[in-house]
Amino acid sequence: MTDTYTPPQDPLVVLHHDHQVLLVDKPAGLLSVPGKGPHLADCLIARVQSVFPDALLVHRLDRDTSGVMIFGLTPHAQRHLGLQFENRQTRKTYVARVHGQVAEAKGTVDLPLCVDWPNRPRQMVDHENGRAAVTDWRRLKRGSDETRMRLMPKTGRSHQLRVHMLAIGHPILGDPFYATGTALDHPRLMLHSESLAFRHPDGGLPVKVSAKPPF
């Protein structure tokens, strides 16, 4: 997929800020980190660091995904949070609008994923070479030809939620890589990082930060 990069110019939305961590609401269409080349320099971490110069990257969201993203404000916080992500100790929830009517009330997708090399950055299900990927999901509301879902990934593979929804026959609306036909005919990818629960790097107390979906 080739397109021009015209990121939104929304002001920075700070959800939580203290001496160790910063959580912001990333707009859809903005890279988390710079891409290759000066035309892809505008990104969330650059915008964050212009206000919070000590901010350090912990994880990423896809360019087309909006919602909660956390940064460490000290090297200790970055390490502490990074280990929580690595050891699957954080809890993430997403809201998505998917194509078609999902029949079941809830379920789990357990399908290993790997990069689809000829079509990078697309990912694909691969039972031989893929890495384990698990997503719990719950149906929230059905419309005439779409369903609102809450997605709870247990792993953090690239494009995991997007490929897992496609695999059960319900691609996320507006997905430029995996949706086709009328499912693609939306102004953005209908996927939002709704909440992140983690242990605070200073003392280990549980913290949960949320951002309301814009759709």
N, C-alpha and C. Protein backbone atom coordinates (compact mmCIF):
# COMPACT_ATOMS: atom_id res chain seq x y z
N MET A 1 0.84 -1.19 0.00
CA MET A 1 0.00 0.00 0.00
C MET A 1 0.88 1.24 0.00
N THR A 2 0.69 2.09 -0.97
CA THR A 2 1.42 3.35 -1.01
C THR A 2 0.42 4.48 -0.89
N ASP A 3 0.72 5.42 -0.01
CA ASP A 3 -0.15 6.57 0.14
C ASP A 3 0.67 7.73 0.68
N THR A 4 0.08 8.90 0.64
CA THR A 4 0.76 10.04 1.20
C THR A 4 0.47 10.10 2.69
N TYR A 5 1.46 10.54 3.44
CA TYR A 5 1.34 10.61 4.90
C TYR A 5 0.91 12.01 5.28
N THR A 6 -0.34 12.15 5.69
CA THR A 6 -0.86 13.45 6.13
C THR A 6 -1.46 13.27 7.52
N PRO A 7 -0.60 13.23 8.54
CA PRO A 7 -1.09 12.96 9.90
C PRO A 7 -1.99 14.08 10.41
N PRO A 8 -2.94 13.74 11.27
CA PRO A 8 -3.81 14.77 11.86
C PRO A 8 -3.01 15.71 12.74
N GLN A 9 -3.47 16.93 12.85
CA GLN A 9 -2.76 17.94 13.65
C GLN A 9 -3.48 18.20 14.98
N ASP A 10 -4.14 17.19 15.50
CA ASP A 10 -4.82 17.33 16.79
C ASP A 10 -3.82 17.71 17.88
N PRO A 11 -4.24 18.53 18.84
CA PRO A 11 -3.37 18.83 19.97
C PRO A 11 -3.15 17.57 20.82
N LEU A 12 -2.02 17.53 21.53
CA LEU A 12 -1.68 16.40 22.37
C LEU A 12 -2.70 16.26 23.50
N VAL A 13 -3.27 15.06 23.65
CA VAL A 13 -4.23 14.79 24.72
C VAL A 13 -3.56 13.95 25.79
N VAL A 14 -3.29 14.56 26.94
CA VAL A 14 -2.64 13.86 28.05
C VAL A 14 -3.72 13.24 28.93
N LEU A 15 -3.62 11.92 29.14
CA LEU A 15 -4.59 11.20 29.95
C LEU A 15 -4.14 11.06 31.40
N HIS A 16 -2.83 10.93 31.60
CA HIS A 16 -2.26 10.78 32.95
C HIS A 16 -0.79 11.18 32.88
N HIS A 17 -0.34 11.89 33.90
CA HIS A 17 1.05 12.36 33.92
C HIS A 17 1.50 12.44 35.37
N ASP A 18 2.60 11.76 35.70
CA ASP A 18 3.21 11.91 37.01
C ASP A 18 4.73 11.88 36.84
N HIS A 19 5.46 11.66 37.91
CA HIS A 19 6.92 11.77 37.85
C HIS A 19 7.58 10.60 37.12
N GLN A 20 6.82 9.53 36.82
CA GLN A 20 7.41 8.35 36.18
C GLN A 20 6.80 8.00 34.83
N VAL A 21 5.51 8.27 34.67
CA VAL A 21 4.82 7.80 33.46
C VAL A 21 3.97 8.91 32.85
N LEU A 22 3.76 8.76 31.55
CA LEU A 22 2.90 9.66 30.79
C LEU A 22 2.03 8.80 29.89
N LEU A 23 0.73 9.03 29.92
CA LEU A 23 -0.18 8.34 29.02
C LEU A 23 -0.93 9.37 28.20
N VAL A 24 -0.98 9.14 26.89
CA VAL A 24 -1.64 10.06 25.98
C VAL A 24 -2.62 9.29 25.09
N ASP A 25 -3.51 10.04 24.45
CA ASP A 25 -4.50 9.47 23.53
C ASP A 25 -4.01 9.74 22.11
N LYS A 26 -3.47 8.69 21.46
CA LYS A 26 -2.92 8.85 20.12
C LYS A 26 -4.03 8.97 19.09
N PRO A 27 -3.97 9.98 18.21
CA PRO A 27 -4.97 10.04 17.14
C PRO A 27 -4.68 9.01 16.04
N ALA A 28 -5.73 8.55 15.38
CA ALA A 28 -5.55 7.67 14.22
C ALA A 28 -4.84 8.44 13.12
N GLY A 29 -3.97 7.73 12.38
CA GLY A 29 -3.28 8.35 11.25
C GLY A 29 -1.93 8.92 11.58
N LEU A 30 -1.52 8.85 12.84
CA LEU A 30 -0.23 9.37 13.27
C LEU A 30 0.69 8.22 13.64
N LEU A 31 1.89 8.19 13.06
CA LEU A 31 2.87 7.16 13.42
C LEU A 31 3.24 7.28 14.89
N SER A 32 3.54 6.14 15.53
CA SER A 32 4.04 6.17 16.91
C SER A 32 5.48 6.66 16.96
N VAL A 33 6.28 6.21 16.00
CA VAL A 33 7.70 6.57 15.91
C VAL A 33 7.99 6.98 14.47
N PRO A 34 9.11 7.66 14.22
CA PRO A 34 9.39 8.11 12.85
C PRO A 34 9.52 6.95 11.88
N GLY A 35 9.07 7.17 10.66
CA GLY A 35 9.31 6.21 9.59
C GLY A 35 10.60 6.53 8.88
N LYS A 36 10.86 5.84 7.78
CA LYS A 36 12.10 6.07 7.02
C LYS A 36 11.91 7.25 6.08
N GLY A 37 12.74 8.26 6.25
CA GLY A 37 12.67 9.43 5.38
C GLY A 37 12.07 10.63 6.11
N PRO A 38 12.47 11.84 5.70
CA PRO A 38 12.01 13.06 6.38
C PRO A 38 10.50 13.27 6.29
N HIS A 39 9.86 12.72 5.25
CA HIS A 39 8.41 12.90 5.11
C HIS A 39 7.63 12.10 6.15
N LEU A 40 8.31 11.19 6.85
CA LEU A 40 7.66 10.38 7.90
C LEU A 40 8.20 10.73 9.29
N ALA A 41 8.73 11.94 9.42
CA ALA A 41 9.35 12.34 10.69
C ALA A 41 8.31 12.71 11.75
N ASP A 42 7.18 13.24 11.32
CA ASP A 42 6.14 13.63 12.29
C ASP A 42 5.54 12.38 12.90
N CYS A 43 5.59 12.28 14.23
CA CYS A 43 5.10 11.09 14.90
C CYS A 43 4.76 11.44 16.35
N LEU A 44 4.12 10.50 17.03
CA LEU A 44 3.66 10.78 18.38
C LEU A 44 4.82 11.03 19.33
N ILE A 45 5.88 10.21 19.27
CA ILE A 45 6.96 10.41 20.24
C ILE A 45 7.64 11.76 20.04
N ALA A 46 7.76 12.24 18.80
CA ALA A 46 8.35 13.55 18.56
C ALA A 46 7.47 14.65 19.16
N ARG A 47 6.18 14.52 18.99
CA ARG A 47 5.25 15.51 19.55
C ARG A 47 5.28 15.47 21.08
N VAL A 48 5.34 14.25 21.63
CA VAL A 48 5.39 14.11 23.09
C VAL A 48 6.68 14.73 23.65
N GLN A 49 7.81 14.42 22.98
CA GLN A 49 9.10 14.91 23.48
C GLN A 49 9.25 16.42 23.34
N SER A 50 8.45 17.04 22.47
CA SER A 50 8.51 18.50 22.38
C SER A 50 7.90 19.15 23.63
N VAL A 51 7.06 18.40 24.34
CA VAL A 51 6.44 18.89 25.58
C VAL A 51 7.08 18.24 26.80
N PHE A 52 7.40 16.95 26.68
CA PHE A 52 8.02 16.18 27.77
C PHE A 52 9.34 15.61 27.25
N PRO A 53 10.43 16.39 27.32
CA PRO A 53 11.69 15.99 26.68
C PRO A 53 12.27 14.67 27.19
N ASP A 54 11.88 14.24 28.40
CA ASP A 54 12.44 13.01 28.98
C ASP A 54 11.64 11.76 28.59
N ALA A 55 10.59 11.92 27.80
CA ALA A 55 9.73 10.77 27.48
C ALA A 55 10.49 9.71 26.69
N LEU A 56 10.28 8.45 27.06
CA LEU A 56 10.96 7.31 26.45
C LEU A 56 9.93 6.30 25.95
N LEU A 57 10.20 5.72 24.80
CA LEU A 57 9.27 4.78 24.17
C LEU A 57 9.18 3.48 24.96
N VAL A 58 7.97 2.97 25.12
CA VAL A 58 7.74 1.69 25.79
C VAL A 58 7.12 0.68 24.83
N HIS A 59 6.15 1.11 24.03
CA HIS A 59 5.46 0.24 23.08
C HIS A 59 4.96 1.11 21.93
N ARG A 60 4.29 0.50 20.99
CA ARG A 60 3.78 1.24 19.83
C ARG A 60 2.33 0.85 19.55
N LEU A 61 1.65 1.73 18.87
CA LEU A 61 0.37 1.41 18.25
C LEU A 61 0.53 1.60 16.75
N ASP A 62 -0.21 0.80 15.96
CA ASP A 62 -0.21 0.99 14.52
C ASP A 62 -0.60 2.43 14.17
N ARG A 63 -0.10 2.92 13.06
CA ARG A 63 -0.42 4.27 12.61
C ARG A 63 -1.93 4.52 12.58
N ASP A 64 -2.68 3.52 12.10
CA ASP A 64 -4.11 3.72 11.88
C ASP A 64 -4.95 3.51 13.14
N THR A 65 -4.33 3.06 14.23
CA THR A 65 -5.04 2.81 15.49
C THR A 65 -4.94 4.03 16.39
N SER A 66 -6.03 4.34 17.07
CA SER A 66 -6.04 5.44 18.04
C SER A 66 -6.04 4.88 19.45
N GLY A 67 -5.83 5.78 20.43
CA GLY A 67 -6.05 5.38 21.81
C GLY A 67 -4.85 5.45 22.73
N VAL A 68 -4.99 4.77 23.86
CA VAL A 68 -4.06 4.89 25.00
C VAL A 68 -2.68 4.37 24.64
N MET A 69 -1.69 5.21 24.89
CA MET A 69 -0.29 4.82 24.70
C MET A 69 0.52 5.38 25.86
N ILE A 70 1.45 4.58 26.40
CA ILE A 70 2.21 4.95 27.59
C ILE A 70 3.67 5.20 27.25
N PHE A 71 4.27 6.18 27.92
CA PHE A 71 5.69 6.48 27.82
C PHE A 71 6.28 6.51 29.22
N GLY A 72 7.55 6.07 29.34
CA GLY A 72 8.27 6.23 30.59
C GLY A 72 8.92 7.60 30.62
N LEU A 73 9.00 8.19 31.80
CA LEU A 73 9.65 9.50 31.94
C LEU A 73 11.02 9.39 32.61
N THR A 74 11.41 8.17 32.97
CA THR A 74 12.75 7.89 33.50
C THR A 74 13.21 6.57 32.90
N PRO A 75 14.52 6.32 32.84
CA PRO A 75 14.99 5.01 32.37
C PRO A 75 14.44 3.86 33.20
N HIS A 76 14.31 4.07 34.52
CA HIS A 76 13.74 3.03 35.38
C HIS A 76 12.31 2.71 34.95
N ALA A 77 11.50 3.74 34.71
CA ALA A 77 10.11 3.51 34.31
C ALA A 77 10.05 2.80 32.97
N GLN A 78 10.90 3.19 32.02
CA GLN A 78 10.92 2.54 30.71
C GLN A 78 11.23 1.04 30.85
N ARG A 79 12.24 0.71 31.66
CA ARG A 79 12.60 -0.70 31.87
C ARG A 79 11.47 -1.46 32.56
N HIS A 80 10.93 -0.87 33.61
CA HIS A 80 9.87 -1.50 34.40
C HIS A 80 8.65 -1.79 33.53
N LEU A 81 8.22 -0.80 32.78
CA LEU A 81 7.05 -0.98 31.91
C LEU A 81 7.35 -1.94 30.77
N GLY A 82 8.57 -1.83 30.20
CA GLY A 82 8.95 -2.73 29.12
C GLY A 82 8.89 -4.19 29.54
N LEU A 83 9.33 -4.48 30.75
CA LEU A 83 9.27 -5.86 31.26
C LEU A 83 7.83 -6.31 31.46
N GLN A 84 6.96 -5.39 31.88
CA GLN A 84 5.55 -5.76 32.05
C GLN A 84 4.93 -6.14 30.70
N PHE A 85 5.25 -5.39 29.65
CA PHE A 85 4.75 -5.73 28.32
C PHE A 85 5.34 -7.07 27.87
N GLU A 86 6.64 -7.22 28.06
CA GLU A 86 7.32 -8.44 27.62
C GLU A 86 6.77 -9.67 28.31
N ASN A 87 6.46 -9.54 29.61
CA ASN A 87 5.99 -10.67 30.40
C ASN A 87 4.47 -10.79 30.44
N ARG A 88 3.81 -10.01 29.59
CA ARG A 88 2.34 -10.04 29.46
C ARG A 88 1.64 -9.74 30.78
N GLN A 89 2.17 -8.78 31.52
CA GLN A 89 1.59 -8.40 32.80
C GLN A 89 0.69 -7.16 32.68
N THR A 90 0.68 -6.54 31.52
CA THR A 90 -0.26 -5.44 31.31
C THR A 90 -1.58 -6.02 30.80
N ARG A 91 -2.65 -5.25 30.96
CA ARG A 91 -3.95 -5.66 30.41
C ARG A 91 -4.44 -4.56 29.49
N LYS A 92 -4.66 -4.95 28.24
CA LYS A 92 -5.08 -3.98 27.22
C LYS A 92 -6.47 -4.34 26.72
N THR A 93 -7.31 -3.33 26.54
CA THR A 93 -8.59 -3.56 25.89
C THR A 93 -8.72 -2.59 24.72
N TYR A 94 -9.34 -3.08 23.67
CA TYR A 94 -9.59 -2.28 22.47
C TYR A 94 -11.08 -2.35 22.15
N VAL A 95 -11.55 -1.32 21.47
CA VAL A 95 -12.89 -1.35 20.90
C VAL A 95 -12.73 -1.32 19.38
N ALA A 96 -13.51 -2.15 18.70
CA ALA A 96 -13.44 -2.21 17.23
C ALA A 96 -14.85 -2.31 16.67
N ARG A 97 -15.03 -1.76 15.49
CA ARG A 97 -16.23 -2.01 14.70
C ARG A 97 -15.81 -2.94 13.56
N VAL A 98 -16.46 -4.09 13.47
CA VAL A 98 -16.07 -5.08 12.47
C VAL A 98 -17.21 -5.31 11.49
N HIS A 99 -16.86 -5.84 10.33
CA HIS A 99 -17.81 -6.08 9.25
C HIS A 99 -18.68 -7.30 9.57
N GLY A 100 -19.96 -7.19 9.28
CA GLY A 100 -20.87 -8.32 9.44
C GLY A 100 -21.40 -8.46 10.87
N GLN A 101 -22.34 -9.38 11.02
CA GLN A 101 -22.93 -9.65 12.34
C GLN A 101 -22.24 -10.84 12.98
N VAL A 102 -21.61 -10.60 14.11
CA VAL A 102 -20.95 -11.67 14.86
C VAL A 102 -22.01 -12.43 15.64
N ALA A 103 -22.09 -13.73 15.43
CA ALA A 103 -23.17 -14.53 16.01
C ALA A 103 -22.97 -14.78 17.50
N GLU A 104 -21.78 -15.15 17.88
CA GLU A 104 -21.52 -15.55 19.26
C GLU A 104 -21.34 -14.31 20.15
N ALA A 105 -21.56 -14.48 21.44
CA ALA A 105 -21.43 -13.38 22.39
C ALA A 105 -19.98 -13.12 22.78
N LYS A 106 -19.17 -14.16 22.76
CA LYS A 106 -17.76 -14.00 23.12
C LYS A 106 -16.96 -15.18 22.56
N GLY A 107 -15.65 -15.04 22.57
CA GLY A 107 -14.81 -16.12 22.07
C GLY A 107 -13.34 -15.79 22.20
N THR A 108 -12.52 -16.70 21.72
CA THR A 108 -11.07 -16.54 21.74
C THR A 108 -10.52 -16.95 20.38
N VAL A 109 -9.62 -16.15 19.84
CA VAL A 109 -8.90 -16.52 18.63
C VAL A 109 -7.48 -16.88 19.03
N ASP A 110 -7.06 -18.11 18.72
CA ASP A 110 -5.72 -18.59 19.05
C ASP A 110 -5.08 -19.06 17.74
N LEU A 111 -4.46 -18.11 17.04
CA LEU A 111 -3.86 -18.40 15.73
C LEU A 111 -2.48 -17.75 15.65
N PRO A 112 -1.44 -18.52 15.36
CA PRO A 112 -0.08 -17.97 15.29
C PRO A 112 0.11 -17.09 14.06
N LEU A 113 0.91 -16.05 14.20
CA LEU A 113 1.08 -15.06 13.15
C LEU A 113 2.54 -14.87 12.77
N CYS A 114 2.74 -14.53 11.50
CA CYS A 114 4.07 -14.13 11.05
C CYS A 114 3.90 -13.14 9.90
N VAL A 115 5.00 -12.48 9.54
CA VAL A 115 4.94 -11.48 8.48
C VAL A 115 4.70 -12.17 7.13
N ASP A 116 3.88 -11.55 6.31
CA ASP A 116 3.64 -11.99 4.93
C ASP A 116 4.69 -11.29 4.07
N TRP A 117 5.86 -11.89 3.94
CA TRP A 117 7.03 -11.21 3.38
C TRP A 117 6.79 -10.51 2.05
N PRO A 118 6.16 -11.16 1.07
CA PRO A 118 5.98 -10.45 -0.22
C PRO A 118 5.05 -9.24 -0.10
N ASN A 119 4.26 -9.18 0.98
CA ASN A 119 3.26 -8.12 1.12
C ASN A 119 3.44 -7.34 2.42
N ARG A 120 4.70 -7.19 2.84
CA ARG A 120 4.95 -6.45 4.07
C ARG A 120 4.32 -5.05 3.99
N PRO A 121 3.79 -4.50 5.09
CA PRO A 121 3.86 -5.04 6.46
C PRO A 121 2.69 -5.95 6.84
N ARG A 122 1.97 -6.47 5.86
CA ARG A 122 0.87 -7.39 6.18
C ARG A 122 1.39 -8.60 6.96
N GLN A 123 0.56 -9.09 7.84
CA GLN A 123 0.85 -10.31 8.60
C GLN A 123 -0.13 -11.39 8.15
N MET A 124 0.16 -12.64 8.53
CA MET A 124 -0.74 -13.73 8.14
C MET A 124 -0.69 -14.84 9.18
N VAL A 125 -1.73 -15.66 9.17
CA VAL A 125 -1.75 -16.84 10.02
C VAL A 125 -0.80 -17.88 9.42
N ASP A 126 0.07 -18.44 10.25
CA ASP A 126 1.03 -19.44 9.79
C ASP A 126 1.26 -20.44 10.91
N HIS A 127 0.68 -21.64 10.77
CA HIS A 127 0.74 -22.63 11.84
C HIS A 127 2.13 -23.27 11.98
N GLU A 128 2.96 -23.15 10.96
CA GLU A 128 4.30 -23.73 11.02
C GLU A 128 5.34 -22.75 11.55
N ASN A 129 5.32 -21.53 11.02
CA ASN A 129 6.37 -20.56 11.35
C ASN A 129 5.90 -19.40 12.22
N GLY A 130 4.60 -19.31 12.46
CA GLY A 130 4.07 -18.16 13.20
C GLY A 130 4.39 -18.21 14.69
N ARG A 131 4.33 -17.03 15.30
CA ARG A 131 4.49 -16.92 16.75
C ARG A 131 3.11 -16.90 17.39
N ALA A 132 3.03 -17.50 18.58
CA ALA A 132 1.75 -17.62 19.28
C ALA A 132 1.07 -16.26 19.40
N ALA A 133 -0.24 -16.23 19.13
CA ALA A 133 -1.02 -15.01 19.24
C ALA A 133 -2.43 -15.37 19.69
N VAL A 134 -2.88 -14.73 20.78
CA VAL A 134 -4.17 -15.07 21.37
C VAL A 134 -4.95 -13.78 21.64
N THR A 135 -6.21 -13.77 21.23
CA THR A 135 -7.10 -12.62 21.45
C THR A 135 -8.43 -13.11 22.01
N ASP A 136 -8.81 -12.60 23.18
CA ASP A 136 -10.17 -12.80 23.68
C ASP A 136 -11.04 -11.68 23.12
N TRP A 137 -12.30 -11.98 22.85
CA TRP A 137 -13.19 -10.93 22.35
C TRP A 137 -14.59 -11.09 22.94
N ARG A 138 -15.31 -9.97 22.96
CA ARG A 138 -16.67 -9.96 23.45
C ARG A 138 -17.51 -9.05 22.56
N ARG A 139 -18.65 -9.53 22.16
CA ARG A 139 -19.56 -8.73 21.35
C ARG A 139 -20.25 -7.69 22.22
N LEU A 140 -20.26 -6.44 21.75
CA LEU A 140 -20.92 -5.37 22.49
C LEU A 140 -22.29 -5.03 21.91
N LYS A 141 -22.36 -4.88 20.59
CA LYS A 141 -23.61 -4.45 19.96
C LYS A 141 -23.59 -4.81 18.49
N ARG A 142 -24.71 -5.29 17.98
CA ARG A 142 -24.82 -5.61 16.56
C ARG A 142 -25.63 -4.56 15.83
N GLY A 143 -25.15 -4.17 14.64
CA GLY A 143 -25.92 -3.31 13.76
C GLY A 143 -26.41 -4.11 12.58
N SER A 144 -26.85 -3.42 11.53
CA SER A 144 -27.42 -4.12 10.38
C SER A 144 -26.36 -4.93 9.64
N ASP A 145 -25.15 -4.39 9.53
CA ASP A 145 -24.09 -5.12 8.83
C ASP A 145 -22.72 -4.90 9.49
N GLU A 146 -22.75 -4.64 10.79
CA GLU A 146 -21.49 -4.51 11.53
C GLU A 146 -21.72 -4.87 12.98
N THR A 147 -20.64 -5.10 13.70
CA THR A 147 -20.71 -5.45 15.11
C THR A 147 -19.64 -4.67 15.87
N ARG A 148 -20.04 -4.14 17.00
CA ARG A 148 -19.10 -3.46 17.89
C ARG A 148 -18.53 -4.49 18.85
N MET A 149 -17.20 -4.53 18.96
CA MET A 149 -16.54 -5.57 19.74
C MET A 149 -15.57 -4.96 20.75
N ARG A 150 -15.39 -5.68 21.85
CA ARG A 150 -14.28 -5.37 22.76
C ARG A 150 -13.25 -6.48 22.60
N LEU A 151 -12.02 -6.09 22.32
CA LEU A 151 -10.94 -7.05 22.04
C LEU A 151 -9.90 -6.96 23.15
N MET A 152 -9.48 -8.13 23.64
CA MET A 152 -8.52 -8.19 24.75
C MET A 152 -7.35 -9.08 24.36
N PRO A 153 -6.32 -8.52 23.75
CA PRO A 153 -5.18 -9.33 23.31
C PRO A 153 -4.38 -9.86 24.50
N LYS A 154 -4.02 -11.12 24.43
CA LYS A 154 -3.16 -11.72 25.45
C LYS A 154 -1.69 -11.69 25.02
N THR A 155 -1.46 -11.44 23.74
CA THR A 155 -0.11 -11.30 23.20
C THR A 155 -0.08 -9.98 22.43
N GLY A 156 1.10 -9.59 21.97
CA GLY A 156 1.23 -8.29 21.32
C GLY A 156 1.88 -8.36 19.95
N ARG A 157 1.38 -9.23 19.10
CA ARG A 157 1.96 -9.37 17.76
C ARG A 157 1.53 -8.22 16.84
N SER A 158 2.35 -7.94 15.88
CA SER A 158 2.04 -6.91 14.90
C SER A 158 0.75 -7.26 14.16
N HIS A 159 -0.18 -6.28 14.08
CA HIS A 159 -1.46 -6.44 13.38
C HIS A 159 -2.31 -7.57 13.94
N GLN A 160 -2.04 -7.98 15.19
CA GLN A 160 -2.72 -9.16 15.74
C GLN A 160 -4.24 -9.05 15.70
N LEU A 161 -4.79 -7.95 16.19
CA LEU A 161 -6.24 -7.83 16.25
C LEU A 161 -6.84 -7.77 14.85
N ARG A 162 -6.13 -7.12 13.95
CA ARG A 162 -6.62 -6.96 12.59
C ARG A 162 -6.67 -8.31 11.86
N VAL A 163 -5.62 -9.11 12.00
CA VAL A 163 -5.59 -10.42 11.33
C VAL A 163 -6.54 -11.41 12.01
N HIS A 164 -6.61 -11.35 13.34
CA HIS A 164 -7.51 -12.28 14.04
C HIS A 164 -8.98 -12.01 13.70
N MET A 165 -9.36 -10.75 13.57
CA MET A 165 -10.75 -10.46 13.19
C MET A 165 -11.01 -10.91 11.75
N LEU A 166 -10.04 -10.69 10.87
CA LEU A 166 -10.18 -11.18 9.50
C LEU A 166 -10.32 -12.70 9.49
N ALA A 167 -9.57 -13.38 10.34
CA ALA A 167 -9.56 -14.85 10.35
C ALA A 167 -10.90 -15.44 10.77
N ILE A 168 -11.68 -14.70 11.58
CA ILE A 168 -12.99 -15.22 11.96
C ILE A 168 -14.09 -14.67 11.05
N GLY A 169 -13.65 -14.02 9.95
CA GLY A 169 -14.60 -13.57 8.93
C GLY A 169 -15.20 -12.21 9.17
N HIS A 170 -14.61 -11.43 10.07
CA HIS A 170 -15.15 -10.11 10.40
C HIS A 170 -14.03 -9.07 10.44
N PRO A 171 -13.51 -8.68 9.26
CA PRO A 171 -12.42 -7.69 9.25
C PRO A 171 -12.86 -6.38 9.90
N ILE A 172 -11.90 -5.68 10.49
CA ILE A 172 -12.19 -4.39 11.10
C ILE A 172 -12.50 -3.38 10.00
N LEU A 173 -13.56 -2.63 10.20
CA LEU A 173 -13.98 -1.65 9.20
C LEU A 173 -12.89 -0.62 8.95
N GLY A 174 -12.72 -0.25 7.67
CA GLY A 174 -11.75 0.77 7.32
C GLY A 174 -10.31 0.31 7.34
N ASP A 175 -10.06 -1.00 7.44
CA ASP A 175 -8.69 -1.50 7.52
C ASP A 175 -8.05 -1.48 6.12
N PRO A 176 -7.02 -0.64 5.92
CA PRO A 176 -6.44 -0.52 4.58
C PRO A 176 -5.69 -1.76 4.12
N PHE A 177 -5.35 -2.66 5.03
CA PHE A 177 -4.61 -3.87 4.65
C PHE A 177 -5.50 -5.09 4.51
N TYR A 178 -6.54 -5.21 5.32
CA TYR A 178 -7.26 -6.47 5.42
C TYR A 178 -8.74 -6.39 5.05
N ALA A 179 -9.31 -5.20 4.96
CA ALA A 179 -10.72 -5.07 4.60
C ALA A 179 -10.86 -4.92 3.09
N THR A 180 -11.99 -5.34 2.55
CA THR A 180 -12.27 -5.19 1.12
C THR A 180 -13.72 -4.73 0.96
N GLY A 181 -14.04 -4.25 -0.23
CA GLY A 181 -15.42 -3.88 -0.55
C GLY A 181 -15.97 -2.83 0.37
N THR A 182 -17.22 -3.01 0.80
CA THR A 182 -17.87 -2.01 1.66
C THR A 182 -17.20 -1.91 3.02
N ALA A 183 -16.54 -2.97 3.47
CA ALA A 183 -15.86 -2.93 4.77
C ALA A 183 -14.71 -1.92 4.76
N LEU A 184 -14.17 -1.66 3.58
CA LEU A 184 -13.06 -0.71 3.47
C LEU A 184 -13.54 0.73 3.38
N ASP A 185 -14.81 0.91 3.09
CA ASP A 185 -15.35 2.23 2.80
C ASP A 185 -15.66 3.01 4.09
N HIS A 186 -14.62 3.32 4.84
CA HIS A 186 -14.76 4.07 6.08
C HIS A 186 -13.60 5.06 6.18
N PRO A 187 -13.78 6.17 6.90
CA PRO A 187 -12.76 7.22 6.91
C PRO A 187 -11.49 6.86 7.67
N ARG A 188 -11.54 5.79 8.48
CA ARG A 188 -10.36 5.40 9.25
C ARG A 188 -10.52 3.94 9.66
N LEU A 189 -9.43 3.36 10.17
CA LEU A 189 -9.49 2.04 10.78
C LEU A 189 -10.29 2.15 12.08
N MET A 190 -11.34 1.37 12.20
CA MET A 190 -12.21 1.45 13.37
C MET A 190 -11.68 0.58 14.51
N LEU A 191 -10.50 0.95 14.99
CA LEU A 191 -9.84 0.23 16.08
C LEU A 191 -9.23 1.25 17.03
N HIS A 192 -9.58 1.11 18.32
CA HIS A 192 -9.17 2.10 19.32
C HIS A 192 -8.68 1.39 20.57
N SER A 193 -7.51 1.78 21.06
CA SER A 193 -6.96 1.26 22.31
C SER A 193 -7.69 1.94 23.47
N GLU A 194 -8.63 1.23 24.05
CA GLU A 194 -9.55 1.83 25.02
C GLU A 194 -8.95 1.98 26.42
N SER A 195 -8.19 1.00 26.87
CA SER A 195 -7.64 1.09 28.22
C SER A 195 -6.34 0.29 28.34
N LEU A 196 -5.54 0.71 29.30
CA LEU A 196 -4.29 0.02 29.62
C LEU A 196 -4.18 -0.05 31.13
N ALA A 197 -4.02 -1.25 31.66
CA ALA A 197 -3.81 -1.46 33.09
C ALA A 197 -2.38 -1.97 33.28
N PHE A 198 -1.68 -1.39 34.26
CA PHE A 198 -0.27 -1.72 34.49
C PHE A 198 0.06 -1.48 35.95
N ARG A 199 1.25 -1.91 36.35
CA ARG A 199 1.74 -1.62 37.69
C ARG A 199 2.65 -0.39 37.62
N HIS A 200 2.43 0.54 38.54
CA HIS A 200 3.22 1.77 38.50
C HIS A 200 4.68 1.46 38.82
N PRO A 201 5.61 2.04 38.03
CA PRO A 201 7.04 1.76 38.26
C PRO A 201 7.54 2.20 39.64
N ASP A 202 6.84 3.11 40.28
CA ASP A 202 7.22 3.57 41.61
C ASP A 202 6.26 2.96 42.64
N GLY A 203 6.59 1.77 43.10
CA GLY A 203 5.79 1.14 44.15
C GLY A 203 4.94 -0.03 43.71
N GLY A 204 4.66 -0.14 42.41
CA GLY A 204 3.96 -1.31 41.91
C GLY A 204 2.45 -1.31 42.06
N LEU A 205 1.87 -0.19 42.48
CA LEU A 205 0.41 -0.15 42.62
C LEU A 205 -0.26 -0.24 41.25
N PRO A 206 -1.42 -0.91 41.18
CA PRO A 206 -2.12 -1.03 39.89
C PRO A 206 -2.70 0.30 39.44
N VAL A 207 -2.56 0.58 38.15
CA VAL A 207 -3.10 1.79 37.54
C VAL A 207 -3.85 1.37 36.27
N LYS A 208 -5.00 2.00 36.03
CA LYS A 208 -5.72 1.77 34.78
C LYS A 208 -6.11 3.12 34.19
N VAL A 209 -5.76 3.32 32.93
CA VAL A 209 -6.05 4.58 32.24
C VAL A 209 -6.86 4.26 30.99
N SER A 210 -7.91 5.03 30.75
CA SER A 210 -8.81 4.77 29.63
C SER A 210 -8.99 6.02 28.76
N ALA A 211 -9.37 5.80 27.52
CA ALA A 211 -9.71 6.88 26.58
C ALA A 211 -10.93 6.43 25.79
N LYS A 212 -11.95 7.27 25.77
CA LYS A 212 -13.19 6.93 25.09
C LYS A 212 -12.99 6.82 23.58
N PRO A 213 -13.53 5.80 22.94
CA PRO A 213 -13.41 5.68 21.48
C PRO A 213 -14.05 6.87 20.77
N PRO A 214 -13.43 7.37 19.71
CA PRO A 214 -14.01 8.49 18.97
C PRO A 214 -15.04 8.08 17.93
N PHE A 215 -15.40 6.80 17.92
CA PHE A 215 -16.39 6.31 16.93
C PHE A 215 -17.42 5.42 17.62
